[in-house]
């Protein structure tokens, strides 16, 4: 009989064998279930996030792609009263994306089974590595400086949420061009109204999913809410 953490142990071995060497060759190093790419300015993060509903037989996971900018972390600490982290940490700034979002797909979770054979794990590893190389690594590479983050956000003002626009305003105040500040304020007003409506709908969707006790719908609603909270 499988022990209570059997699938989780298989996942950890899979991560060590199928993912770590691939990322290590590209300059990333592992910290628990997170991989980091340190540079002179910002740090890329790939977070292999396990589902809270995993059991002995299955370990479902998704991948968060994020960046840690010391400058953006300082803005968050100053604006939101957060503690300033002493090492690269997820959740600061507004750069986090699900890998499946970068792929243009609905929320997707991969599965490692406690009974998985080597060929199954190798096939899973090959598929995940391909998606990381195709979508996650370019996303990180394009945002490893604060100037690149600023330029990317200025180019898509209408896609940014209130939190991202708050950070962009601070970036433009520090790095210029200050002539874009009125555009940012206009975009922020529209974004706040949109997000208020989307959050109300997301809360209703989550409540309905809990009432149905539908695990996948709850997970999807929770992911949607987290994305909205990050905006």
Protein backbone atom coordinates (compact mmCIF):
# COMPACT_ATOMS: atom_id res chain seq x y z
CA UNK A 1 0.00 0.00 0.00
CA UNK A 2 1.30 3.46 -0.87
CA UNK A 3 2.38 5.62 2.04
CA UNK A 4 0.73 9.00 2.67
CA UNK A 5 3.39 10.90 0.73
CA UNK A 6 4.22 8.32 -1.96
CA UNK A 7 3.19 10.46 -4.96
CA UNK A 8 4.90 13.51 -3.47
CA UNK A 9 8.16 11.57 -3.18
CA UNK A 10 7.88 10.46 -6.81
CA UNK A 11 7.28 14.10 -7.78
CA UNK A 12 10.39 15.22 -5.86
CA UNK A 13 12.50 12.59 -7.62
CA UNK A 14 10.98 13.56 -10.97
CA UNK A 15 11.85 17.21 -10.33
CA UNK A 16 15.44 16.29 -9.46
CA UNK A 17 15.95 14.03 -12.48
CA UNK A 18 13.81 15.56 -15.23
CA UNK A 19 13.87 19.30 -14.48
CA UNK A 20 16.85 20.30 -12.33
CA UNK A 21 19.65 19.30 -14.79
CA UNK A 22 17.83 21.03 -17.67
CA UNK A 23 17.54 24.31 -15.74
CA UNK A 24 20.99 24.05 -14.12
CA UNK A 25 22.59 24.10 -17.58
CA UNK A 26 20.84 27.42 -18.15
CA UNK A 27 22.05 29.05 -14.92
CA UNK A 28 19.09 28.24 -12.64
CA UNK A 29 19.51 26.72 -9.19
CA UNK A 30 16.99 24.89 -7.04
CA UNK A 31 15.55 25.93 -3.66
CA UNK A 32 13.00 23.31 -2.56
CA UNK A 33 10.32 23.36 -5.31
CA UNK A 34 11.48 26.72 -6.69
CA UNK A 35 14.17 27.39 -9.29
CA UNK A 36 15.94 30.75 -9.38
CA UNK A 37 17.92 32.58 -12.06
CA UNK A 38 19.93 35.34 -10.33
CA UNK A 39 21.26 38.25 -12.39
CA UNK A 40 22.88 41.58 -11.55
CA UNK A 41 19.48 43.25 -11.21
CA UNK A 42 16.45 40.93 -11.07
CA UNK A 43 15.93 37.21 -10.36
CA UNK A 44 13.76 34.83 -12.34
CA UNK A 45 11.66 32.28 -10.44
CA UNK A 46 9.96 29.08 -11.55
CA UNK A 47 7.72 27.75 -8.78
CA UNK A 48 6.45 24.17 -9.01
CA UNK A 49 3.28 24.50 -6.94
CA UNK A 50 1.60 21.34 -5.64
CA UNK A 51 -2.17 21.10 -5.31
CA UNK A 52 -3.59 21.28 -1.79
CA UNK A 53 -5.77 18.26 -2.70
CA UNK A 54 -2.94 15.84 -3.46
CA UNK A 55 -3.05 12.37 -1.93
CA UNK A 56 -0.87 9.26 -1.73
CA UNK A 57 -1.64 8.20 -5.30
CA UNK A 58 -1.51 11.47 -7.22
CA UNK A 59 0.53 14.67 -6.99
CA UNK A 60 -0.91 17.41 -9.19
CA UNK A 61 1.18 20.50 -9.82
CA UNK A 62 1.27 23.69 -11.82
CA UNK A 63 4.12 26.08 -12.59
CA UNK A 64 4.24 29.77 -11.67
CA UNK A 65 6.64 32.00 -13.62
CA UNK A 66 7.72 35.06 -11.65
CA UNK A 67 10.44 37.66 -11.29
CA UNK A 68 11.86 39.29 -8.21
CA UNK A 69 12.94 42.91 -8.60
CA UNK A 70 14.53 44.50 -5.51
CA UNK A 71 13.21 47.86 -6.71
CA UNK A 72 9.63 46.59 -7.10
CA UNK A 73 9.89 44.80 -3.74
CA UNK A 74 10.89 48.11 -2.15
CA UNK A 75 7.88 49.80 -3.77
CA UNK A 76 5.57 47.11 -2.38
CA UNK A 77 7.13 47.42 1.06
CA UNK A 78 6.68 51.20 1.03
CA UNK A 79 3.20 51.27 -0.53
CA UNK A 80 1.62 48.23 1.13
CA UNK A 81 3.46 48.02 4.44
CA UNK A 82 5.09 44.69 3.56
CA UNK A 83 8.34 43.45 5.04
CA UNK A 84 11.26 43.82 2.66
CA UNK A 85 12.54 40.27 1.95
CA UNK A 86 16.20 39.47 2.45
CA UNK A 87 16.30 37.12 -0.55
CA UNK A 88 14.42 36.70 -3.84
CA UNK A 89 10.83 35.80 -3.00
CA UNK A 90 7.69 35.33 -5.08
CA UNK A 91 4.74 37.62 -4.70
CA UNK A 92 6.47 41.01 -4.95
CA UNK A 93 5.70 43.16 -7.96
CA UNK A 94 3.15 41.98 -10.50
CA UNK A 95 5.11 39.73 -12.82
CA UNK A 96 3.75 36.31 -11.78
CA UNK A 97 2.04 34.26 -14.49
CA UNK A 98 0.93 30.66 -14.69
CA UNK A 99 2.93 28.82 -17.33
CA UNK A 100 -0.34 27.68 -18.89
CA UNK A 101 -1.41 31.34 -19.14
CA UNK A 102 1.74 32.11 -21.11
CA UNK A 103 0.87 29.12 -23.31
CA UNK A 104 -2.54 30.68 -24.00
CA UNK A 105 -4.39 27.76 -22.39
CA UNK A 106 -6.93 27.37 -19.60
CA UNK A 107 -5.65 26.59 -16.12
CA UNK A 108 -3.81 23.26 -16.40
CA UNK A 109 -2.34 20.98 -13.74
CA UNK A 110 0.08 18.17 -14.54
CA UNK A 111 -0.11 14.89 -12.60
CA UNK A 112 2.57 12.59 -11.17
CA UNK A 113 1.27 9.22 -9.98
CA UNK A 114 2.84 7.09 -7.28
CA UNK A 115 2.61 4.13 -9.67
CA UNK A 116 4.16 5.96 -12.64
CA UNK A 117 6.69 4.00 -14.68
CA UNK A 118 9.97 5.52 -15.80
CA UNK A 119 8.77 6.03 -19.37
CA UNK A 120 5.72 7.94 -18.15
CA UNK A 121 7.87 10.21 -15.99
CA UNK A 122 10.34 10.76 -18.82
CA UNK A 123 7.50 11.69 -21.19
CA UNK A 124 6.09 14.12 -18.64
CA UNK A 125 9.54 15.64 -18.14
CA UNK A 126 10.06 16.09 -21.86
CA UNK A 127 6.73 17.85 -22.26
CA UNK A 128 7.25 20.16 -19.28
CA UNK A 129 10.80 21.05 -20.34
CA UNK A 130 9.55 21.93 -23.82
CA UNK A 131 6.90 24.30 -22.41
CA UNK A 132 9.39 25.90 -20.03
CA UNK A 133 11.88 26.51 -22.82
CA UNK A 134 9.26 27.75 -25.26
CA UNK A 135 7.28 30.03 -22.94
CA UNK A 136 8.73 30.53 -19.43
CA UNK A 137 12.38 31.22 -20.22
CA UNK A 138 11.67 33.92 -22.84
CA UNK A 139 9.16 35.57 -20.48
CA UNK A 140 11.80 35.77 -17.75
CA UNK A 141 14.63 36.81 -20.09
CA UNK A 142 12.60 39.77 -21.36
CA UNK A 143 12.10 41.16 -17.83
CA UNK A 144 15.45 40.82 -16.09
CA UNK A 145 15.95 44.59 -15.84
CA UNK A 146 13.58 47.19 -14.43
CA UNK A 147 13.86 49.22 -17.62
CA UNK A 148 12.63 46.20 -19.60
CA UNK A 149 9.72 45.72 -17.19
CA UNK A 150 8.81 49.41 -17.54
CA UNK A 151 8.95 49.31 -21.33
CA UNK A 152 6.88 46.12 -21.54
CA UNK A 153 4.19 47.54 -19.25
CA UNK A 154 4.06 50.88 -21.06
CA UNK A 155 3.51 49.00 -24.31
CA UNK A 156 0.38 47.29 -22.93
CA UNK A 157 -1.15 49.86 -20.57
CA UNK A 158 -4.69 48.70 -21.31
CA UNK A 159 -3.83 45.14 -20.16
CA UNK A 160 -2.37 46.17 -16.77
CA UNK A 161 -4.36 45.97 -13.55
CA UNK A 162 -4.33 48.53 -10.72
CA UNK A 163 -1.44 46.90 -8.85
CA UNK A 164 0.74 46.71 -11.96
CA UNK A 165 -0.06 50.33 -12.80
CA UNK A 166 0.84 51.44 -9.27
CA UNK A 167 4.26 49.85 -9.72
CA UNK A 168 4.61 51.26 -13.22
CA UNK A 169 3.90 54.75 -11.93
CA UNK A 170 6.72 54.34 -9.41
CA UNK A 171 9.07 53.01 -12.10
CA UNK A 172 8.33 55.94 -14.41
CA UNK A 173 8.77 58.42 -11.56
CA UNK A 174 12.24 56.95 -10.91
CA UNK A 175 13.38 56.00 -14.42
CA UNK A 176 11.26 58.20 -16.72
CA UNK A 177 9.76 59.11 -19.07
CA UNK A 178 7.65 61.22 -16.72
CA UNK A 179 5.57 62.45 -19.66
CA UNK A 180 3.74 59.10 -19.58
CA UNK A 181 2.40 59.61 -16.03
CA UNK A 182 -0.98 61.07 -17.18
CA UNK A 183 -1.50 58.03 -19.43
CA UNK A 184 -0.82 55.73 -16.48
CA UNK A 185 -3.31 57.55 -14.25
CA UNK A 186 -6.03 57.31 -16.91
CA UNK A 187 -5.39 53.59 -17.35
CA UNK A 188 -5.43 53.05 -13.57
CA UNK A 189 -8.90 54.61 -13.20
CA UNK A 190 -10.34 52.30 -15.86
CA UNK A 191 -8.54 49.25 -14.49
CA UNK A 192 -9.85 49.73 -10.95
CA UNK A 193 -13.45 49.77 -12.16
CA UNK A 194 -12.93 46.64 -14.26
CA UNK A 195 -11.19 44.67 -11.53
CA UNK A 196 -13.90 45.52 -8.97
CA UNK A 197 -16.48 43.91 -11.26
CA UNK A 198 -14.27 40.90 -12.02
CA UNK A 199 -13.55 40.26 -8.34
CA UNK A 200 -17.25 40.25 -7.51
CA UNK A 201 -17.83 37.64 -10.23
CA UNK A 202 -14.82 35.56 -9.11
CA UNK A 203 -16.13 35.47 -5.53
CA UNK A 204 -19.51 34.29 -6.78
CA UNK A 205 -17.86 31.59 -8.93
CA UNK A 206 -15.78 30.35 -5.98
CA UNK A 207 -18.79 30.20 -3.66
CA UNK A 208 -20.72 28.19 -6.25
CA UNK A 209 -17.81 25.79 -6.75
CA UNK A 210 -17.50 25.18 -3.00
CA UNK A 211 -21.23 24.54 -2.81
CA UNK A 212 -20.94 21.92 -5.59
CA UNK A 213 -17.78 20.52 -3.91
CA UNK A 214 -16.17 20.45 -7.34
CA UNK A 215 -12.40 20.28 -6.74
CA UNK A 216 -11.34 21.35 -10.22
CA UNK A 217 -13.77 24.28 -10.32
CA UNK A 218 -12.62 25.39 -6.85
CA UNK A 219 -8.99 25.25 -7.98
CA UNK A 220 -9.80 27.22 -11.13
CA UNK A 221 -11.79 29.82 -9.19
CA UNK A 222 -9.01 30.14 -6.62
CA UNK A 223 -6.41 30.61 -9.37
CA UNK A 224 -8.60 33.27 -10.97
CA UNK A 225 -8.99 35.10 -7.68
CA UNK A 226 -5.24 35.00 -7.03
CA UNK A 227 -4.58 36.49 -10.44
CA UNK A 228 -7.07 39.26 -9.75
CA UNK A 229 -5.56 39.96 -6.34
CA UNK A 230 -2.18 40.27 -8.01
CA UNK A 231 -3.45 42.83 -10.51
